[in-house]
Amino acid sequence: MKLYNNFIAKKLGINIEDCFTPEQYTLFITGNGIGGNKEAAKLVDQTIRILTNTAAPTRQVNSIIAPGGYLNKWCLQNNAKKIYIYI
């Protein structure tokens, strides 16, 4: 999985060192970690699945990924600021 993540990061021009660690990703996607939110995390997980397979429910997703939303707050509180900047 790490090689695949490296491949994706390189294709997007992202330094792999700035990405979520596997532990951070698990905490984020399950709504755990500092400031975790299980309901928002569930929507993020569904969104990732949708974005990688079909079209996304943009209106629902915007509130999660917008500045001040769950993604922003979680990244800042869980030492993942650099990946949020990329997003």
PDB file of N, CA and C in Angstrom:
ATOM      1  N   MET A   1       0.820  -1.190   0.000  1.00  0.00           N
ATOM      2  CA  MET A   1       0.000   0.000   0.000  1.00  0.00           C
ATOM      3  C   MET A   1       0.869   1.262   0.000  1.00  0.00           C
ATOM      4  N   LYS A   2       2.005   1.234   0.716  1.00  0.00           N
ATOM      5  CA  LYS A   2       2.860   2.408   0.779  1.00  0.00           C
ATOM      6  C   LYS A   2       3.399   2.778  -0.604  1.00  0.00           C
ATOM      7  N   LEU A   3       3.775   1.789  -1.400  1.00  0.00           N
ATOM      8  CA  LEU A   3       4.258   2.080  -2.750  1.00  0.00           C
ATOM      9  C   LEU A   3       3.177   2.742  -3.584  1.00  0.00           C
ATOM     10  N   TYR A   4       1.940   2.272  -3.448  1.00  0.00           N
ATOM     11  CA  TYR A   4       0.819   2.854  -4.184  1.00  0.00           C
ATOM     12  C   TYR A   4       0.590   4.293  -3.724  1.00  0.00           C
ATOM     13  N   ASN A   5       0.658   4.528  -2.400  1.00  0.00           N
ATOM     14  CA  ASN A   5       0.505   5.884  -1.879  1.00  0.00           C
ATOM     15  C   ASN A   5       1.608   6.794  -2.373  1.00  0.00           C
ATOM     16  N   ASN A   6       2.835   6.288  -2.435  1.00  0.00           N
ATOM     17  CA  ASN A   6       3.950   7.069  -2.969  1.00  0.00           C
ATOM     18  C   ASN A   6       3.691   7.446  -4.420  1.00  0.00           C
ATOM     19  N   PHE A   7       3.190   6.501  -5.198  1.00  0.00           N
ATOM     20  CA  PHE A   7       2.884   6.727  -6.604  1.00  0.00           C
ATOM     21  C   PHE A   7       1.842   7.835  -6.756  1.00  0.00           C
ATOM     22  N   ILE A   8       0.767   7.756  -5.979  1.00  0.00           N
ATOM     23  CA  ILE A   8      -0.295   8.764  -6.050  1.00  0.00           C
ATOM     24  C   ILE A   8       0.239  10.131  -5.631  1.00  0.00           C
ATOM     25  N   ALA A   9       0.972  10.163  -4.528  1.00  0.00           N
ATOM     26  CA  ALA A   9       1.528  11.433  -4.050  1.00  0.00           C
ATOM     27  C   ALA A   9       2.420  12.071  -5.113  1.00  0.00           C
ATOM     28  N   LYS A  10       3.287  11.286  -5.719  1.00  0.00           N
ATOM     29  CA  LYS A  10       4.186  11.815  -6.744  1.00  0.00           C
ATOM     30  C   LYS A  10       3.396  12.344  -7.939  1.00  0.00           C
ATOM     31  N   LYS A  11       2.366  11.613  -8.352  1.00  0.00           N
ATOM     32  CA  LYS A  11       1.546  12.051  -9.486  1.00  0.00           C
ATOM     33  C   LYS A  11       0.849  13.382  -9.198  1.00  0.00           C
ATOM     34  N   LEU A  12       0.504  13.604  -7.934  1.00  0.00           N
ATOM     35  CA  LEU A  12      -0.165  14.845  -7.535  1.00  0.00           C
ATOM     36  C   LEU A  12       0.821  15.945  -7.150  1.00  0.00           C
ATOM     37  N   GLY A  13       2.112  15.612  -7.162  1.00  0.00           N
ATOM     38  CA  GLY A  13       3.126  16.586  -6.802  1.00  0.00           C
ATOM     39  C   GLY A  13       3.216  16.832  -5.303  1.00  0.00           C
ATOM     40  N   ILE A  14       2.837  15.837  -4.527  1.00  0.00           N
ATOM     41  CA  ILE A  14       2.840  15.958  -3.068  1.00  0.00           C
ATOM     42  C   ILE A  14       4.003  15.159  -2.499  1.00  0.00           C
ATOM     43  N   ASN A  15       4.717  15.764  -1.568  1.00  0.00           N
ATOM     44  CA  ASN A  15       5.786  15.074  -0.862  1.00  0.00           C
ATOM     45  C   ASN A  15       5.156  14.041   0.068  1.00  0.00           C
ATOM     46  N   ILE A  16       5.531  12.788  -0.038  1.00  0.00           N
ATOM     47  CA  ILE A  16       4.948  11.713   0.771  1.00  0.00           C
ATOM     48  C   ILE A  16       5.103  11.991   2.265  1.00  0.00           C
ATOM     49  N   GLU A  17       6.161  12.709   2.635  1.00  0.00           N
ATOM     50  CA  GLU A  17       6.380  13.040   4.048  1.00  0.00           C
ATOM     51  C   GLU A  17       5.308  13.991   4.579  1.00  0.00           C
ATOM     52  N   ASP A  18       4.607  14.693   3.684  1.00  0.00           N
ATOM     53  CA  ASP A  18       3.565  15.631   4.087  1.00  0.00           C
ATOM     54  C   ASP A  18       2.180  14.989   4.144  1.00  0.00           C
ATOM     55  N   CYS A  19       2.069  13.749   3.718  1.00  0.00           N
ATOM     56  CA  CYS A  19       0.785  13.050   3.696  1.00  0.00           C
ATOM     57  C   CYS A  19       0.443  12.483   5.069  1.00  0.00           C
ATOM     58  N   PHE A  20      -0.819  12.101   5.240  1.00  0.00           N
ATOM     59  CA  PHE A  20      -1.219  11.399   6.458  1.00  0.00           C
ATOM     60  C   PHE A  20      -0.345  10.169   6.618  1.00  0.00           C
ATOM     61  N   THR A  21       0.034   9.879   7.831  1.00  0.00           N
ATOM     62  CA  THR A  21       0.647   8.577   8.091  1.00  0.00           C
ATOM     63  C   THR A  21      -0.491   7.562   8.079  1.00  0.00           C
ATOM     64  N   PRO A  22      -0.198   6.274   7.964  1.00  0.00           N
ATOM     65  CA  PRO A  22      -1.282   5.286   8.036  1.00  0.00           C
ATOM     66  C   PRO A  22      -2.080   5.419   9.328  1.00  0.00           C
ATOM     67  N   GLU A  23      -1.406   5.722  10.427  1.00  0.00           N
ATOM     68  CA  GLU A  23      -2.096   5.877  11.707  1.00  0.00           C
ATOM     69  C   GLU A  23      -3.009   7.095  11.687  1.00  0.00           C
ATOM     70  N   GLN A  24      -2.526   8.223  11.140  1.00  0.00           N
ATOM     71  CA  GLN A  24      -3.352   9.425  11.048  1.00  0.00           C
ATOM     72  C   GLN A  24      -4.571   9.171  10.168  1.00  0.00           C
ATOM     73  N   TYR A  25      -4.376   8.503   9.047  1.00  0.00           N
ATOM     74  CA  TYR A  25      -5.495   8.225   8.152  1.00  0.00           C
ATOM     75  C   TYR A  25      -6.557   7.391   8.864  1.00  0.00           C
ATOM     76  N   THR A  26      -6.127   6.367   9.582  1.00  0.00           N
ATOM     77  CA  THR A  26      -7.079   5.514  10.299  1.00  0.00           C
ATOM     78  C   THR A  26      -7.832   6.324  11.350  1.00  0.00           C
ATOM     79  N   LEU A  27      -7.119   7.144  12.104  1.00  0.00           N
ATOM     80  CA  LEU A  27      -7.790   7.976  13.110  1.00  0.00           C
ATOM     81  C   LEU A  27      -8.778   8.937  12.449  1.00  0.00           C
ATOM     82  N   PHE A  28      -8.354   9.579  11.374  1.00  0.00           N
ATOM     83  CA  PHE A  28      -9.211  10.555  10.694  1.00  0.00           C
ATOM     84  C   PHE A  28     -10.469   9.919  10.129  1.00  0.00           C
ATOM     85  N   ILE A  29     -10.306   8.830   9.419  1.00  0.00           N
ATOM     86  CA  ILE A  29     -11.423   8.217   8.697  1.00  0.00           C
ATOM     87  C   ILE A  29     -12.403   7.509   9.634  1.00  0.00           C
ATOM     88  N   THR A  30     -11.964   7.241  10.879  1.00  0.00           N
ATOM     89  CA  THR A  30     -12.853   6.614  11.857  1.00  0.00           C
ATOM     90  C   THR A  30     -13.442   7.626  12.830  1.00  0.00           C
ATOM     91  N   GLY A  31     -13.056   8.893  12.677  1.00  0.00           N
ATOM     92  CA  GLY A  31     -13.594   9.926  13.556  1.00  0.00           C
ATOM     93  C   GLY A  31     -12.927   9.974  14.913  1.00  0.00           C
ATOM     94  N   ASN A  32     -11.735   9.408  15.004  1.00  0.00           N
ATOM     95  CA  ASN A  32     -10.989   9.425  16.256  1.00  0.00           C
ATOM     96  C   ASN A  32      -9.889  10.474  16.178  1.00  0.00           C
ATOM     97  N   GLY A  33      -9.014  10.508  17.155  1.00  0.00           N
ATOM     98  CA  GLY A  33      -7.978  11.523  17.220  1.00  0.00           C
ATOM     99  C   GLY A  33      -8.528  12.765  17.885  1.00  0.00           C
ATOM    100  N   ILE A  34      -7.699  13.774  18.050  1.00  0.00           N
ATOM    101  CA  ILE A  34      -8.127  15.017  18.689  1.00  0.00           C
ATOM    102  C   ILE A  34      -9.156  15.700  17.806  1.00  0.00           C
ATOM    103  N   GLY A  35     -10.297  16.028  18.353  1.00  0.00           N
ATOM    104  CA  GLY A  35     -11.355  16.698  17.602  1.00  0.00           C
ATOM    105  C   GLY A  35     -12.065  15.802  16.613  1.00  0.00           C
ATOM    106  N   GLY A  36     -11.919  14.481  16.762  1.00  0.00           N
ATOM    107  CA  GLY A  36     -12.574  13.542  15.857  1.00  0.00           C
ATOM    108  C   GLY A  36     -14.089  13.692  15.872  1.00  0.00           C
ATOM    109  N   ASN A  37     -14.706  13.339  14.756  1.00  0.00           N
ATOM    110  CA  ASN A  37     -16.156  13.451  14.609  1.00  0.00           C
ATOM    111  C   ASN A  37     -16.611  12.269  13.759  1.00  0.00           C
ATOM    112  N   LYS A  38     -17.235  11.302  14.389  1.00  0.00           N
ATOM    113  CA  LYS A  38     -17.594  10.063  13.687  1.00  0.00           C
ATOM    114  C   LYS A  38     -18.562  10.302  12.526  1.00  0.00           C
ATOM    115  N   GLU A  39     -19.499  11.209  12.695  1.00  0.00           N
ATOM    116  CA  GLU A  39     -20.464  11.492  11.626  1.00  0.00           C
ATOM    117  C   GLU A  39     -19.782  12.123  10.410  1.00  0.00           C
ATOM    118  N   ALA A  40     -18.921  13.111  10.663  1.00  0.00           N
ATOM    119  CA  ALA A  40     -18.192  13.756   9.564  1.00  0.00           C
ATOM    120  C   ALA A  40     -17.232  12.771   8.916  1.00  0.00           C
ATOM    121  N   ALA A  41     -16.572  11.947   9.735  1.00  0.00           N
ATOM    122  CA  ALA A  41     -15.628  10.962   9.200  1.00  0.00           C
ATOM    123  C   ALA A  41     -16.333   9.966   8.291  1.00  0.00           C
ATOM    124  N   LYS A  42     -17.538   9.580   8.657  1.00  0.00           N
ATOM    125  CA  LYS A  42     -18.307   8.650   7.819  1.00  0.00           C
ATOM    126  C   LYS A  42     -18.578   9.275   6.447  1.00  0.00           C
ATOM    127  N   LEU A  43     -18.917  10.558   6.438  1.00  0.00           N
ATOM    128  CA  LEU A  43     -19.160  11.247   5.170  1.00  0.00           C
ATOM    129  C   LEU A  43     -17.869  11.356   4.354  1.00  0.00           C
ATOM    130  N   VAL A  44     -16.754  11.625   5.032  1.00  0.00           N
ATOM    131  CA  VAL A  44     -15.457  11.683   4.327  1.00  0.00           C
ATOM    132  C   VAL A  44     -15.150  10.331   3.699  1.00  0.00           C
ATOM    133  N   ASP A  45     -15.328   9.262   4.457  1.00  0.00           N
ATOM    134  CA  ASP A  45     -15.066   7.913   3.945  1.00  0.00           C
ATOM    135  C   ASP A  45     -15.935   7.623   2.726  1.00  0.00           C
ATOM    136  N   GLN A  46     -17.217   7.954   2.817  1.00  0.00           N
ATOM    137  CA  GLN A  46     -18.120   7.742   1.680  1.00  0.00           C
ATOM    138  C   GLN A  46     -17.684   8.588   0.484  1.00  0.00           C
ATOM    139  N   THR A  47     -17.262   9.806   0.756  1.00  0.00           N
ATOM    140  CA  THR A  47     -16.829  10.710  -0.304  1.00  0.00           C
ATOM    141  C   THR A  47     -15.600  10.177  -1.019  1.00  0.00           C
ATOM    142  N   ILE A  48     -14.630   9.683  -0.248  1.00  0.00           N
ATOM    143  CA  ILE A  48     -13.426   9.118  -0.862  1.00  0.00           C
ATOM    144  C   ILE A  48     -13.807   7.967  -1.777  1.00  0.00           C
ATOM    145  N   ARG A  49     -14.696   7.121  -1.309  1.00  0.00           N
ATOM    146  CA  ARG A  49     -15.143   5.991  -2.136  1.00  0.00           C
ATOM    147  C   ARG A  49     -15.845   6.479  -3.401  1.00  0.00           C
ATOM    148  N   ILE A  50     -16.667   7.511  -3.259  1.00  0.00           N
ATOM    149  CA  ILE A  50     -17.402   8.051  -4.405  1.00  0.00           C
ATOM    150  C   ILE A  50     -16.443   8.732  -5.383  1.00  0.00           C
ATOM    151  N   LEU A  51     -15.550   9.570  -4.861  1.00  0.00           N
ATOM    152  CA  LEU A  51     -14.615  10.294  -5.729  1.00  0.00           C
ATOM    153  C   LEU A  51     -13.697   9.365  -6.503  1.00  0.00           C
ATOM    154  N   THR A  52     -13.379   8.223  -5.915  1.00  0.00           N
ATOM    155  CA  THR A  52     -12.497   7.296  -6.603  1.00  0.00           C
ATOM    156  C   THR A  52     -13.255   6.339  -7.513  1.00  0.00           C
ATOM    157  N   ASN A  53     -14.580   6.397  -7.493  1.00  0.00           N
ATOM    158  CA  ASN A  53     -15.362   5.482  -8.313  1.00  0.00           C
ATOM    159  C   ASN A  53     -16.405   6.153  -9.209  1.00  0.00           C
ATOM    160  N   THR A  54     -16.984   7.261  -8.776  1.00  0.00           N
ATOM    161  CA  THR A  54     -18.048   7.920  -9.545  1.00  0.00           C
ATOM    162  C   THR A  54     -17.972   9.430  -9.360  1.00  0.00           C
ATOM    163  N   ALA A  55     -19.139  10.085  -9.262  1.00  0.00           N
ATOM    164  CA  ALA A  55     -19.201  11.533  -9.021  1.00  0.00           C
ATOM    165  C   ALA A  55     -19.575  11.780  -7.559  1.00  0.00           C
ATOM    166  N   ALA A  56     -19.132  12.904  -7.021  1.00  0.00           N
ATOM    167  CA  ALA A  56     -19.317  13.192  -5.597  1.00  0.00           C
ATOM    168  C   ALA A  56     -20.575  14.020  -5.311  1.00  0.00           C
ATOM    169  N   PRO A  57     -21.161  13.856  -4.113  1.00  0.00           N
ATOM    170  CA  PRO A  57     -22.281  14.696  -3.677  1.00  0.00           C
ATOM    171  C   PRO A  57     -21.729  16.030  -3.162  1.00  0.00           C
ATOM    172  N   THR A  58     -21.426  16.930  -4.082  1.00  0.00           N
ATOM    173  CA  THR A  58     -20.654  18.128  -3.784  1.00  0.00           C
ATOM    174  C   THR A  58     -21.203  18.940  -2.620  1.00  0.00           C
ATOM    175  N   ARG A  59     -22.489  19.157  -2.559  1.00  0.00           N
ATOM    176  CA  ARG A  59     -23.039  20.003  -1.497  1.00  0.00           C
ATOM    177  C   ARG A  59     -22.747  19.445  -0.114  1.00  0.00           C
ATOM    178  N   GLN A  60     -22.839  18.148   0.039  1.00  0.00           N
ATOM    179  CA  GLN A  60     -22.567  17.539   1.336  1.00  0.00           C
ATOM    180  C   GLN A  60     -21.076  17.586   1.655  1.00  0.00           C
ATOM    181  N   VAL A  61     -20.263  17.394   0.665  1.00  0.00           N
ATOM    182  CA  VAL A  61     -18.817  17.328   0.853  1.00  0.00           C
ATOM    183  C   VAL A  61     -18.232  18.697   1.186  1.00  0.00           C
ATOM    184  N   ASN A  62     -18.743  19.747   0.579  1.00  0.00           N
ATOM    185  CA  ASN A  62     -18.160  21.073   0.756  1.00  0.00           C
ATOM    186  C   ASN A  62     -18.024  21.473   2.219  1.00  0.00           C
ATOM    187  N   SER A  63     -19.032  21.205   3.040  1.00  0.00           N
ATOM    188  CA  SER A  63     -18.964  21.610   4.443  1.00  0.00           C
ATOM    189  C   SER A  63     -17.893  20.836   5.210  1.00  0.00           C
ATOM    190  N   ILE A  64     -17.534  19.669   4.728  1.00  0.00           N
ATOM    191  CA  ILE A  64     -16.525  18.849   5.398  1.00  0.00           C
ATOM    192  C   ILE A  64     -15.113  19.287   5.004  1.00  0.00           C
ATOM    193  N   ILE A  65     -14.928  19.642   3.732  1.00  0.00           N
ATOM    194  CA  ILE A  65     -13.572  19.963   3.262  1.00  0.00           C
ATOM    195  C   ILE A  65     -13.289  21.462   3.230  1.00  0.00           C
ATOM    196  N   ALA A  66     -14.285  22.292   3.472  1.00  0.00           N
ATOM    197  CA  ALA A  66     -14.099  23.744   3.448  1.00  0.00           C
ATOM    198  C   ALA A  66     -13.239  24.206   4.629  1.00  0.00           C
ATOM    199  N   PRO A  67     -12.580  25.362   4.487  1.00  0.00           N
ATOM    200  CA  PRO A  67     -11.847  25.908   5.636  1.00  0.00           C
ATOM    201  C   PRO A  67     -12.775  26.006   6.848  1.00  0.00           C
ATOM    202  N   GLY A  68     -12.289  25.548   7.975  1.00  0.00           N
ATOM    203  CA  GLY A  68     -13.097  25.545   9.188  1.00  0.00           C
ATOM    204  C   GLY A  68     -13.951  24.305   9.337  1.00  0.00           C
ATOM    205  N   GLY A  69     -13.957  23.442   8.310  1.00  0.00           N
ATOM    206  CA  GLY A  69     -14.725  22.208   8.362  1.00  0.00           C
ATOM    207  C   GLY A  69     -13.963  21.107   9.075  1.00  0.00           C
ATOM    208  N   TYR A  70     -14.561  19.936   9.098  1.00  0.00           N
ATOM    209  CA  TYR A  70     -13.979  18.802   9.822  1.00  0.00           C
ATOM    210  C   TYR A  70     -12.551  18.492   9.377  1.00  0.00           C
ATOM    211  N   LEU A  71     -12.308  18.420   8.074  1.00  0.00           N
ATOM    212  CA  LEU A  71     -10.971  18.085   7.576  1.00  0.00           C
ATOM    213  C   LEU A  71      -9.936  19.090   8.073  1.00  0.00           C
ATOM    214  N   ASN A  72     -10.221  20.375   7.932  1.00  0.00           N
ATOM    215  CA  ASN A  72      -9.314  21.441   8.365  1.00  0.00           C
ATOM    216  C   ASN A  72      -9.024  21.350   9.857  1.00  0.00           C
ATOM    217  N   LYS A  73     -10.059  21.264  10.655  1.00  0.00           N
ATOM    218  CA  LYS A  73      -9.881  21.223  12.113  1.00  0.00           C
ATOM    219  C   LYS A  73      -9.113  19.975  12.533  1.00  0.00           C
ATOM    220  N   TRP A  74      -9.468  18.823  11.956  1.00  0.00           N
ATOM    221  CA  TRP A  74      -8.806  17.577  12.353  1.00  0.00           C
ATOM    222  C   TRP A  74      -7.326  17.628  11.996  1.00  0.00           C
ATOM    223  N   CYS A  75      -7.010  18.078  10.802  1.00  0.00           N
ATOM    224  CA  CYS A  75      -5.604  18.134  10.378  1.00  0.00           C
ATOM    225  C   CYS A  75      -4.788  19.046  11.286  1.00  0.00           C
ATOM    226  N   LEU A  76      -5.318  20.197  11.623  1.00  0.00           N
ATOM    227  CA  LEU A  76      -4.598  21.125  12.480  1.00  0.00           C
ATOM    228  C   LEU A  76      -4.392  20.563  13.883  1.00  0.00           C
ATOM    229  N   GLN A  77      -5.358  19.813  14.373  1.00  0.00           N
ATOM    230  CA  GLN A  77      -5.279  19.277  15.731  1.00  0.00           C
ATOM    231  C   GLN A  77      -4.494  17.974  15.820  1.00  0.00           C
ATOM    232  N   ASN A  78      -4.200  17.354  14.687  1.00  0.00           N
ATOM    233  CA  ASN A  78      -3.543  16.050  14.689  1.00  0.00           C
ATOM    234  C   ASN A  78      -2.244  16.036  13.900  1.00  0.00           C
ATOM    235  N   ASN A  79      -1.554  17.180  13.880  1.00  0.00           N
ATOM    236  CA  ASN A  79      -0.229  17.279  13.286  1.00  0.00           C
ATOM    237  C   ASN A  79      -0.194  16.862  11.810  1.00  0.00           C
ATOM    238  N   ALA A  80      -1.203  17.316  11.050  1.00  0.00           N
ATOM    239  CA  ALA A  80      -1.271  16.973   9.623  1.00  0.00           C
ATOM    240  C   ALA A  80      -1.575  18.234   8.801  1.00  0.00           C
ATOM    241  N   LYS A  81      -1.008  19.361   9.210  1.00  0.00           N
ATOM    242  CA  LYS A  81      -1.280  20.633   8.561  1.00  0.00           C
ATOM    243  C   LYS A  81      -0.836  20.667   7.098  1.00  0.00           C
ATOM    244  N   LYS A  82       0.318  20.071   6.807  1.00  0.00           N
ATOM    245  CA  LYS A  82       0.852  20.155   5.442  1.00  0.00           C
ATOM    246  C   LYS A  82      -0.060  19.501   4.419  1.00  0.00           C
ATOM    247  N   ILE A  83      -0.650  18.355   4.752  1.00  0.00           N
ATOM    248  CA  ILE A  83      -1.525  17.703   3.772  1.00  0.00           C
ATOM    249  C   ILE A  83      -2.792  18.521   3.564  1.00  0.00           C
ATOM    250  N   TYR A  84      -3.269  19.206   4.593  1.00  0.00           N
ATOM    251  CA  TYR A  84      -4.445  20.057   4.412  1.00  0.00           C
ATOM    252  C   TYR A  84      -4.140  21.186   3.428  1.00  0.00           C
ATOM    253  N   ILE A  85      -2.944  21.719   3.495  1.00  0.00           N
ATOM    254  CA  ILE A  85      -2.551  22.790   2.580  1.00  0.00           C
ATOM    255  C   ILE A  85      -2.609  22.295   1.138  1.00  0.00           C
ATOM    256  N   TYR A  86      -2.193  21.057   0.891  1.00  0.00           N
ATOM    257  CA  TYR A  86      -2.271  20.475  -0.453  1.00  0.00           C
ATOM    258  C   TYR A  86      -3.704  20.341  -0.917  1.00  0.00           C
ATOM    259  N   ILE A  87      -4.550  19.917  -0.011  1.00  0.00           N
ATOM    260  CA  ILE A  87      -5.953  19.675  -0.363  1.00  0.00           C
ATOM    261  C   ILE A  87      -6.638  20.979  -0.645  1.00  0.00           C
TER     262      ILE A  87
END
